[in-house]
Amino acid sequence: MSNAVEWLSTGGVERRLAADQAANVLLSKYRQRWESIVPIELHRLAASLNCTVSTVQEVEGGARLLPIAGGFEVLVSAELPVAKYRMAIAHELAHTLFYSVEHDLPTRVLEPSRKEEHFCFDVARRILAPDWLIADVRRFHFAEPKDLFDCLTKTFKLSKSTAARVMLEDYELAVGVAGRWCRINGRWELDRGRAFASPCLKPKDRKLLRDAAKRWLCETVPPAAPYHIIGLSESSGTAMFVCVADANAPPR
C-alpha cells in the first residue's frame, strides 16, 4: 500500500519516475519472456498479472476492471478502435496496482480517485511504450519528428495524442508542443484539455510553437525552420491534431 500512496502524492519529475516504476512492476514478469515483441502483447501481459481480457459489447467508459477469485478480469468494448482498445486495456491493468492480492479475491487498498485515474493513464502509456523498447527507438535517430511519430503510431499502435505525450513528455524524444484544435465559429481554438508540451519548454516557448500551429491551420503554410509540423485531420473536418517540433532543440 505504501507504494500506491507515494505514487499518487508525487508531482513533476517525481511523478514521471513514479509512473516508470509502476509500469516496470507490471511488466516485470512479461519482460522476462517476451521482451522483444513489438508492440506489447497485452493478453500475455494480462495473463502474467493473473488477469483475463474479455471483449464485450458496450462497456461504459470503454473498459472495466473486475476483481475475481484468483485475479482480475478486464472487460473491454468491442466498438473501440485499435489504439483506444489497447489504451483501455493498459489503463485497467494499471488499476491492479491499487489492489491487495493477499487473499483469493483482490481488495482495494485505496478508494478510487481522480488522482488514481490520471496516474493510471500515465502508467498505461509506459506499458504500451516501455522504456526498453523506447531505448531501441532512440538508436534509430529518425531524420524528422514525423518519422518518429509514425513509428509510435504505426509500430507501437498508439493513438495520436498518446504518441505525442510519449514523444514529447514521457521520454522527451523530441522538443515541441502538440494538441487538438477545433474550428469554432470559423476560428481555430486549442482544446486545452488535450494539449501537451515538452517539460523543458518555458511558457514563452510553448506560446511560440502554438502560435506556429495556429498560423499553419489558418494559412496552411508550413512554418519557417527550425520548426517541423505534423498535422492530421479528424473525421469531423472541424478538428485537427497538430504537433510542432523544434528541430534545433536536441532531445533528452
C-alpha atoms as a PDB file:
ATOM      1  CA  MET A   1       0.000   0.000   0.000  1.00  0.00           C
ATOM      2  CA  SER A   2       2.837   2.390   0.751  1.00  0.00           C
ATOM      3  CA  ASN A   3       3.909   2.474  -2.910  1.00  0.00           C
ATOM      4  CA  ALA A   4       0.361   3.294  -4.035  1.00  0.00           C
ATOM      5  CA  VAL A   5       0.102   6.202  -1.602  1.00  0.00           C
ATOM      6  CA  GLU A   6       3.557   7.509  -2.500  1.00  0.00           C
ATOM      7  CA  TRP A   7       2.943   7.299  -6.248  1.00  0.00           C
ATOM      8  CA  LEU A   8      -0.221   9.386  -6.052  1.00  0.00           C
ATOM      9  CA  SER A   9       1.427  12.067  -3.921  1.00  0.00           C
ATOM     10  CA  THR A  10       4.174  12.822  -6.450  1.00  0.00           C
ATOM     11  CA  GLY A  11       4.418  15.643  -8.976  1.00  0.00           C
ATOM     12  CA  GLY A  12       6.737  16.910 -11.704  1.00  0.00           C
ATOM     13  CA  VAL A  13       9.836  14.810 -12.324  1.00  0.00           C
ATOM     14  CA  GLU A  14       8.988  12.578  -9.365  1.00  0.00           C
ATOM     15  CA  ARG A  15       5.620  11.810 -10.960  1.00  0.00           C
ATOM     16  CA  ARG A  16       7.311  10.615 -14.139  1.00  0.00           C
ATOM     17  CA  LEU A  17       9.688   8.432 -12.115  1.00  0.00           C
ATOM     18  CA  ALA A  18       6.758   7.013 -10.139  1.00  0.00           C
ATOM     19  CA  ALA A  19       4.908   6.135 -13.359  1.00  0.00           C
ATOM     20  CA  ASP A  20       8.071   4.485 -14.708  1.00  0.00           C
ATOM     21  CA  GLN A  21       8.415   2.438 -11.529  1.00  0.00           C
ATOM     22  CA  ALA A  22       4.768   1.398 -11.533  1.00  0.00           C
ATOM     23  CA  ALA A  23       4.901   0.322 -15.193  1.00  0.00           C
ATOM     24  CA  ASN A  24       8.052  -1.707 -14.570  1.00  0.00           C
ATOM     25  CA  VAL A  25       6.324  -3.513 -11.684  1.00  0.00           C
ATOM     26  CA  LEU A  26       3.508  -4.552 -14.031  1.00  0.00           C
ATOM     27  CA  LEU A  27       5.854  -5.503 -16.883  1.00  0.00           C
ATOM     28  CA  SER A  28       8.416  -7.424 -14.810  1.00  0.00           C
ATOM     29  CA  LYS A  29       7.228 -10.999 -15.466  1.00  0.00           C
ATOM     30  CA  TYR A  30       6.168 -10.252 -19.041  1.00  0.00           C
ATOM     31  CA  ARG A  31       9.579  -8.828 -19.942  1.00  0.00           C
ATOM     32  CA  GLN A  32      11.381 -11.994 -18.846  1.00  0.00           C
ATOM     33  CA  ARG A  33       9.723 -13.948 -21.679  1.00  0.00           C
ATOM     34  CA  TRP A  34       8.539 -11.512 -24.345  1.00  0.00           C
ATOM     35  CA  GLU A  35      10.886  -8.541 -24.190  1.00  0.00           C
ATOM     36  CA  SER A  36      11.457  -8.363 -27.967  1.00  0.00           C
ATOM     37  CA  ILE A  37       7.799  -8.315 -29.058  1.00  0.00           C
ATOM     38  CA  VAL A  38       6.639  -5.025 -30.603  1.00  0.00           C
ATOM     39  CA  PRO A  39       4.046  -3.819 -29.835  1.00  0.00           C
ATOM     40  CA  ILE A  40       3.450  -5.102 -26.311  1.00  0.00           C
ATOM     41  CA  GLU A  41       1.173  -8.155 -26.435  1.00  0.00           C
ATOM     42  CA  LEU A  42      -1.485  -7.165 -23.928  1.00  0.00           C
ATOM     43  CA  HIS A  43      -3.180 -10.529 -23.477  1.00  0.00           C
ATOM     44  CA  ARG A  44       0.149 -12.089 -22.480  1.00  0.00           C
ATOM     45  CA  LEU A  45       0.825  -9.178 -20.154  1.00  0.00           C
ATOM     46  CA  ALA A  46      -2.612  -9.612 -18.604  1.00  0.00           C
ATOM     47  CA  ALA A  47      -2.007 -13.339 -18.091  1.00  0.00           C
ATOM     48  CA  SER A  48       1.283 -12.565 -16.319  1.00  0.00           C
ATOM     49  CA  LEU A  49      -0.773 -10.459 -13.873  1.00  0.00           C
ATOM     50  CA  ASN A  50      -3.396 -13.188 -13.292  1.00  0.00           C
ATOM     51  CA  CYS A  51      -5.838 -11.267 -15.413  1.00  0.00           C
ATOM     52  CA  THR A  52      -8.031 -12.213 -18.369  1.00  0.00           C
ATOM     53  CA  VAL A  53      -9.277  -9.853 -21.082  1.00  0.00           C
ATOM     54  CA  SER A  54     -12.812 -10.251 -22.424  1.00  0.00           C
ATOM     55  CA  THR A  55     -14.094  -8.273 -25.403  1.00  0.00           C
ATOM     56  CA  VAL A  56     -17.776  -7.482 -24.951  1.00  0.00           C
ATOM     57  CA  GLN A  57     -20.385  -5.064 -26.269  1.00  0.00           C
ATOM     58  CA  GLU A  58     -20.880  -1.521 -24.990  1.00  0.00           C
ATOM     59  CA  VAL A  59     -18.831  -1.264 -21.811  1.00  0.00           C
ATOM     60  CA  GLU A  60     -19.448   2.036 -20.052  1.00  0.00           C
ATOM     61  CA  GLY A  61     -16.303   4.136 -20.296  1.00  0.00           C
ATOM     62  CA  GLY A  62     -14.759   1.685 -22.786  1.00  0.00           C
ATOM     63  CA  ALA A  63     -13.362  -0.796 -20.256  1.00  0.00           C
ATOM     64  CA  ARG A  64     -13.784  -2.010 -16.704  1.00  0.00           C
ATOM     65  CA  LEU A  65     -11.649  -3.946 -14.207  1.00  0.00           C
ATOM     66  CA  LEU A  66     -13.362  -6.680 -12.183  1.00  0.00           C
ATOM     67  CA  PRO A  67     -11.708  -8.432  -9.222  1.00  0.00           C
ATOM     68  CA  ILE A  68     -12.458 -12.154  -9.423  1.00  0.00           C
ATOM     69  CA  ALA A  69     -11.288 -15.200  -7.496  1.00  0.00           C
ATOM     70  CA  GLY A  70      -7.562 -15.575  -8.096  1.00  0.00           C
ATOM     71  CA  GLY A  71      -7.067 -12.337 -10.009  1.00  0.00           C
ATOM     72  CA  PHE A  72      -8.893  -9.940 -12.312  1.00  0.00           C
ATOM     73  CA  GLU A  73     -10.933  -9.697 -15.495  1.00  0.00           C
ATOM     74  CA  VAL A  74     -10.827  -6.721 -17.868  1.00  0.00           C
ATOM     75  CA  LEU A  75     -13.999  -6.127 -19.844  1.00  0.00           C
ATOM     76  CA  VAL A  76     -13.259  -4.016 -22.918  1.00  0.00           C
ATOM     77  CA  SER A  77     -15.655  -2.653 -25.516  1.00  0.00           C
ATOM     78  CA  ALA A  78     -15.534  -4.303 -28.938  1.00  0.00           C
ATOM     79  CA  GLU A  79     -16.501  -0.993 -30.556  1.00  0.00           C
ATOM     80  CA  LEU A  80     -13.224   0.743 -29.698  1.00  0.00           C
ATOM     81  CA  PRO A  81     -10.685   1.397 -32.472  1.00  0.00           C
ATOM     82  CA  VAL A  82      -7.375  -0.448 -32.085  1.00  0.00           C
ATOM     83  CA  ALA A  83      -5.358   2.309 -30.390  1.00  0.00           C
ATOM     84  CA  LYS A  84      -8.125   3.123 -27.894  1.00  0.00           C
ATOM     85  CA  TYR A  85      -8.767  -0.595 -27.322  1.00  0.00           C
ATOM     86  CA  ARG A  86      -5.129  -1.101 -26.368  1.00  0.00           C
ATOM     87  CA  MET A  87      -5.041   2.000 -24.163  1.00  0.00           C
ATOM     88  CA  ALA A  88      -8.233   0.889 -22.389  1.00  0.00           C
ATOM     89  CA  ILE A  89      -6.701  -2.494 -21.504  1.00  0.00           C
ATOM     90  CA  ALA A  90      -3.388  -0.981 -20.386  1.00  0.00           C
ATOM     91  CA  HIS A  91      -5.231   1.565 -18.244  1.00  0.00           C
ATOM     92  CA  GLU A  92      -7.289  -1.089 -16.479  1.00  0.00           C
ATOM     93  CA  LEU A  93      -4.187  -3.218 -15.863  1.00  0.00           C
ATOM     94  CA  ALA A  94      -2.599  -0.182 -14.218  1.00  0.00           C
ATOM     95  CA  HIS A  95      -5.508  -0.083 -11.759  1.00  0.00           C
ATOM     96  CA  THR A  96      -4.485  -3.528 -10.441  1.00  0.00           C
ATOM     97  CA  LEU A  97      -1.627  -1.738  -8.664  1.00  0.00           C
ATOM     98  CA  PHE A  98      -4.186  -0.338  -6.238  1.00  0.00           C
ATOM     99  CA  TYR A  99      -5.435  -3.722  -5.073  1.00  0.00           C
ATOM    100  CA  SER A 100      -4.128  -6.151  -2.480  1.00  0.00           C
ATOM    101  CA  VAL A 101      -3.832  -9.739  -3.699  1.00  0.00           C
ATOM    102  CA  GLU A 102      -3.103 -11.251  -0.303  1.00  0.00           C
ATOM    103  CA  HIS A 103      -6.455 -13.053  -0.393  1.00  0.00           C
ATOM    104  CA  ASP A 104      -8.193 -15.015  -3.130  1.00  0.00           C
ATOM    105  CA  LEU A 105     -10.398 -12.064  -4.060  1.00  0.00           C
ATOM    106  CA  PRO A 106      -8.346  -8.881  -4.665  1.00  0.00           C
ATOM    107  CA  THR A 107      -9.387  -5.949  -2.492  1.00  0.00           C
ATOM    108  CA  ARG A 108      -8.772  -2.228  -2.899  1.00  0.00           C
ATOM    109  CA  VAL A 109      -6.104  -0.571  -0.768  1.00  0.00           C
ATOM    110  CA  LEU A 110      -7.276   2.955  -1.641  1.00  0.00           C
ATOM    111  CA  GLU A 111     -10.619   4.478  -2.534  1.00  0.00           C
ATOM    112  CA  PRO A 112     -10.925   5.320  -6.269  1.00  0.00           C
ATOM    113  CA  SER A 113      -9.965   8.910  -7.089  1.00  0.00           C
ATOM    114  CA  ARG A 114      -9.251  11.264  -9.968  1.00  0.00           C
ATOM    115  CA  LYS A 115      -5.582  11.179  -8.963  1.00  0.00           C
ATOM    116  CA  GLU A 116      -5.555   7.438  -9.493  1.00  0.00           C
ATOM    117  CA  GLU A 117      -7.292   7.800 -12.869  1.00  0.00           C
ATOM    118  CA  HIS A 118      -4.705  10.298 -14.125  1.00  0.00           C
ATOM    119  CA  PHE A 119      -1.830   8.235 -12.757  1.00  0.00           C
ATOM    120  CA  CYS A 120      -3.116   5.064 -14.429  1.00  0.00           C
ATOM    121  CA  PHE A 121      -3.141   6.848 -17.792  1.00  0.00           C
ATOM    122  CA  ASP A 122       0.495   7.854 -17.198  1.00  0.00           C
ATOM    123  CA  VAL A 123       1.348   4.238 -16.383  1.00  0.00           C
ATOM    124  CA  ALA A 124      -0.653   2.924 -19.349  1.00  0.00           C
ATOM    125  CA  ARG A 125       1.420   4.976 -21.809  1.00  0.00           C
ATOM    126  CA  ARG A 126       4.571   3.419 -20.374  1.00  0.00           C
ATOM    127  CA  ILE A 127       3.039  -0.053 -20.650  1.00  0.00           C
ATOM    128  CA  LEU A 128       2.330   0.496 -24.343  1.00  0.00           C
ATOM    129  CA  ALA A 129       5.736   2.155 -24.914  1.00  0.00           C
ATOM    130  CA  PRO A 130       8.044   0.710 -22.224  1.00  0.00           C
ATOM    131  CA  ASP A 131      11.492   2.134 -21.581  1.00  0.00           C
ATOM    132  CA  TRP A 132      13.437  -0.791 -23.078  1.00  0.00           C
ATOM    133  CA  LEU A 133      11.592  -0.545 -26.422  1.00  0.00           C
ATOM    134  CA  ILE A 134      11.955   3.247 -26.428  1.00  0.00           C
ATOM    135  CA  ALA A 135      15.711   2.721 -25.958  1.00  0.00           C
ATOM    136  CA  ASP A 136      15.662   0.872 -29.301  1.00  0.00           C
ATOM    137  CA  VAL A 137      13.716   3.752 -30.877  1.00  0.00           C
ATOM    138  CA  ARG A 138      16.358   6.257 -29.718  1.00  0.00           C
ATOM    139  CA  ARG A 139      19.048   4.325 -31.562  1.00  0.00           C
ATOM    140  CA  PHE A 140      17.298   4.838 -34.912  1.00  0.00           C
ATOM    141  CA  HIS A 141      17.980   8.606 -34.879  1.00  0.00           C
ATOM    142  CA  PHE A 142      14.950   9.460 -37.029  1.00  0.00           C
ATOM    143  CA  ALA A 143      15.676  12.240 -39.504  1.00  0.00           C
ATOM    144  CA  GLU A 144      12.427  14.107 -38.825  1.00  0.00           C
ATOM    145  CA  PRO A 145       9.908  14.168 -35.956  1.00  0.00           C
ATOM    146  CA  LYS A 146       7.197  12.882 -38.325  1.00  0.00           C
ATOM    147  CA  ASP A 147       9.169   9.659 -38.886  1.00  0.00           C
ATOM    148  CA  LEU A 148       9.408   9.200 -35.130  1.00  0.00           C
ATOM    149  CA  PHE A 149       5.718   9.977 -34.705  1.00  0.00           C
ATOM    150  CA  ASP A 150       4.812   7.467 -37.438  1.00  0.00           C
ATOM    151  CA  CYS A 151       6.860   4.806 -35.644  1.00  0.00           C
ATOM    152  CA  LEU A 152       4.939   5.386 -32.431  1.00  0.00           C
ATOM    153  CA  THR A 153       1.508   5.389 -34.079  1.00  0.00           C
ATOM    154  CA  LYS A 154       2.060   2.583 -36.579  1.00  0.00           C
ATOM    155  CA  THR A 155       4.598   0.251 -34.956  1.00  0.00           C
ATOM    156  CA  PHE A 156       3.577   0.777 -31.333  1.00  0.00           C
ATOM    157  CA  LYS A 157      -0.110   1.246 -32.311  1.00  0.00           C
ATOM    158  CA  LEU A 158      -0.555   4.386 -30.214  1.00  0.00           C
ATOM    159  CA  SER A 159      -3.240   6.991 -30.767  1.00  0.00           C
ATOM    160  CA  LYS A 160      -2.169  10.450 -31.959  1.00  0.00           C
ATOM    161  CA  SER A 161      -2.440  12.025 -28.510  1.00  0.00           C
ATOM    162  CA  THR A 162      -0.723   9.104 -26.767  1.00  0.00           C
ATOM    163  CA  ALA A 163       2.126   9.162 -29.294  1.00  0.00           C
ATOM    164  CA  ALA A 164       2.548  12.896 -28.748  1.00  0.00           C
ATOM    165  CA  ARG A 165       2.761  12.529 -24.989  1.00  0.00           C
ATOM    166  CA  VAL A 166       5.201   9.626 -25.246  1.00  0.00           C
ATOM    167  CA  MET A 167       7.356  11.582 -27.700  1.00  0.00           C
ATOM    168  CA  LEU A 168       7.283  14.999 -26.027  1.00  0.00           C
ATOM    169  CA  GLU A 169       6.537  14.474 -22.339  1.00  0.00           C
ATOM    170  CA  ASP A 170       7.319  10.974 -21.147  1.00  0.00           C
ATOM    171  CA  TYR A 171      10.632  10.315 -22.901  1.00  0.00           C
ATOM    172  CA  GLU A 172      11.435  13.695 -24.489  1.00  0.00           C
ATOM    173  CA  LEU A 173      12.359  12.098 -27.815  1.00  0.00           C
ATOM    174  CA  ALA A 174      11.677  15.480 -29.420  1.00  0.00           C
ATOM    175  CA  VAL A 175      11.023  19.002 -28.161  1.00  0.00           C
ATOM    176  CA  GLY A 176       7.753  20.673 -29.046  1.00  0.00           C
ATOM    177  CA  VAL A 177       4.021  21.003 -28.463  1.00  0.00           C
ATOM    178  CA  ALA A 178       1.012  19.032 -29.630  1.00  0.00           C
ATOM    179  CA  GLY A 179      -2.723  19.157 -29.240  1.00  0.00           C
ATOM    180  CA  ARG A 180      -6.188  19.022 -30.718  1.00  0.00           C
ATOM    181  CA  TRP A 181      -7.502  22.169 -32.371  1.00  0.00           C
ATOM    182  CA  CYS A 182     -11.194  22.748 -33.083  1.00  0.00           C
ATOM    183  CA  ARG A 183     -12.761  25.170 -35.534  1.00  0.00           C
ATOM    184  CA  ILE A 184     -15.355  27.153 -33.583  1.00  0.00           C
ATOM    185  CA  ASN A 185     -17.321  29.902 -35.339  1.00  0.00           C
ATOM    186  CA  GLY A 186     -14.710  29.950 -38.105  1.00  0.00           C
ATOM    187  CA  ARG A 187     -11.749  30.253 -35.738  1.00  0.00           C
ATOM    188  CA  TRP A 188      -9.243  27.620 -34.647  1.00  0.00           C
ATOM    189  CA  GLU A 189      -9.095  27.158 -30.871  1.00  0.00           C
ATOM    190  CA  LEU A 190      -6.813  24.842 -28.901  1.00  0.00           C
ATOM    191  CA  ASP A 191      -8.514  22.244 -26.711  1.00  0.00           C
ATOM    192  CA  ARG A 192      -6.561  22.949 -23.515  1.00  0.00           C
ATOM    193  CA  GLY A 193      -7.563  19.607 -22.048  1.00  0.00           C
ATOM    194  CA  ARG A 194      -5.802  17.845 -24.913  1.00  0.00           C
ATOM    195  CA  ALA A 195      -2.684  19.965 -25.252  1.00  0.00           C
ATOM    196  CA  PHE A 196       0.798  18.647 -24.460  1.00  0.00           C
ATOM    197  CA  ALA A 197       4.313  20.079 -24.378  1.00  0.00           C
ATOM    198  CA  SER A 198       7.873  19.082 -23.586  1.00  0.00           C
ATOM    199  CA  PRO A 199       8.600  19.750 -19.883  1.00  0.00           C
ATOM    200  CA  CYS A 200      11.810  21.629 -20.774  1.00  0.00           C
ATOM    201  CA  LEU A 201       9.917  24.353 -22.683  1.00  0.00           C
ATOM    202  CA  LYS A 202       9.342  27.678 -20.984  1.00  0.00           C
ATOM    203  CA  PRO A 203       5.849  29.231 -21.243  1.00  0.00           C
ATOM    204  CA  LYS A 204       7.007  31.758 -23.873  1.00  0.00           C
ATOM    205  CA  ASP A 205       8.469  28.945 -25.999  1.00  0.00           C
ATOM    206  CA  ARG A 206       5.252  26.942 -25.752  1.00  0.00           C
ATOM    207  CA  LYS A 207       3.341  30.006 -26.933  1.00  0.00           C
ATOM    208  CA  LEU A 208       5.665  30.478 -29.919  1.00  0.00           C
ATOM    209  CA  LEU A 209       5.160  26.889 -31.011  1.00  0.00           C
ATOM    210  CA  ARG A 210       1.403  27.009 -30.524  1.00  0.00           C
ATOM    211  CA  ASP A 211       1.247  30.264 -32.462  1.00  0.00           C
ATOM    212  CA  ALA A 212       3.083  28.485 -35.283  1.00  0.00           C
ATOM    213  CA  ALA A 213       0.461  25.719 -35.187  1.00  0.00           C
ATOM    214  CA  LYS A 214      -2.372  28.240 -35.368  1.00  0.00           C
ATOM    215  CA  ARG A 215      -0.784  30.094 -38.307  1.00  0.00           C
ATOM    216  CA  TRP A 216      -0.400  26.797 -40.133  1.00  0.00           C
ATOM    217  CA  LEU A 217      -4.061  25.958 -39.504  1.00  0.00           C
ATOM    218  CA  CYS A 218      -5.216  29.363 -40.723  1.00  0.00           C
ATOM    219  CA  GLU A 219      -2.867  29.748 -43.688  1.00  0.00           C
ATOM    220  CA  THR A 220      -1.827  26.128 -44.466  1.00  0.00           C
ATOM    221  CA  VAL A 221       1.723  27.445 -44.906  1.00  0.00           C
ATOM    222  CA  PRO A 222       4.490  25.367 -43.325  1.00  0.00           C
ATOM    223  CA  PRO A 223       6.254  27.229 -40.502  1.00  0.00           C
ATOM    224  CA  ALA A 224       9.747  28.512 -41.083  1.00  0.00           C
ATOM    225  CA  ALA A 225      12.768  26.499 -39.986  1.00  0.00           C
ATOM    226  CA  PRO A 226      13.627  25.159 -37.487  1.00  0.00           C
ATOM    227  CA  TYR A 227      10.047  24.021 -36.883  1.00  0.00           C
ATOM    228  CA  HIS A 228       8.663  20.724 -38.162  1.00  0.00           C
ATOM    229  CA  ILE A 229       4.898  20.324 -38.250  1.00  0.00           C
ATOM    230  CA  ILE A 230       2.685  17.248 -38.172  1.00  0.00           C
ATOM    231  CA  GLY A 231      -0.966  17.916 -38.978  1.00  0.00           C
ATOM    232  CA  LEU A 232      -3.636  15.236 -39.085  1.00  0.00           C
ATOM    233  CA  SER A 233      -7.273  15.947 -39.846  1.00  0.00           C
ATOM    234  CA  GLU A 234     -10.018  14.265 -37.825  1.00  0.00           C
ATOM    235  CA  SER A 235     -13.090  12.712 -39.414  1.00  0.00           C
ATOM    236  CA  SER A 236     -15.389  15.600 -38.500  1.00  0.00           C
ATOM    237  CA  GLY A 237     -13.416  18.033 -40.665  1.00  0.00           C
ATOM    238  CA  THR A 238     -13.670  20.633 -37.909  1.00  0.00           C
ATOM    239  CA  ALA A 239     -10.842  19.300 -35.748  1.00  0.00           C
ATOM    240  CA  MET A 240      -7.116  18.783 -36.322  1.00  0.00           C
ATOM    241  CA  PHE A 241      -4.326  17.191 -34.351  1.00  0.00           C
ATOM    242  CA  VAL A 242      -1.203  19.308 -34.734  1.00  0.00           C
ATOM    243  CA  CYS A 243       2.330  18.756 -33.438  1.00  0.00           C
ATOM    244  CA  VAL A 244       5.091  21.353 -33.844  1.00  0.00           C
ATOM    245  CA  ALA A 245       8.633  20.238 -33.036  1.00  0.00           C
ATOM    246  CA  ASP A 246      11.727  22.414 -32.771  1.00  0.00           C
ATOM    247  CA  ALA A 247      14.478  20.809 -34.852  1.00  0.00           C
ATOM    248  CA  ASN A 248      17.138  22.969 -33.187  1.00  0.00           C
ATOM    249  CA  ALA A 249      16.352  21.639 -29.718  1.00  0.00           C
ATOM    250  CA  PRO A 250      18.120  18.322 -29.087  1.00  0.00           C
ATOM    251  CA  PRO A 251      16.083  15.504 -27.488  1.00  0.00           C
ATOM    252  CA  ARG A 252      16.938  14.470 -23.947  1.00  0.00           C
END
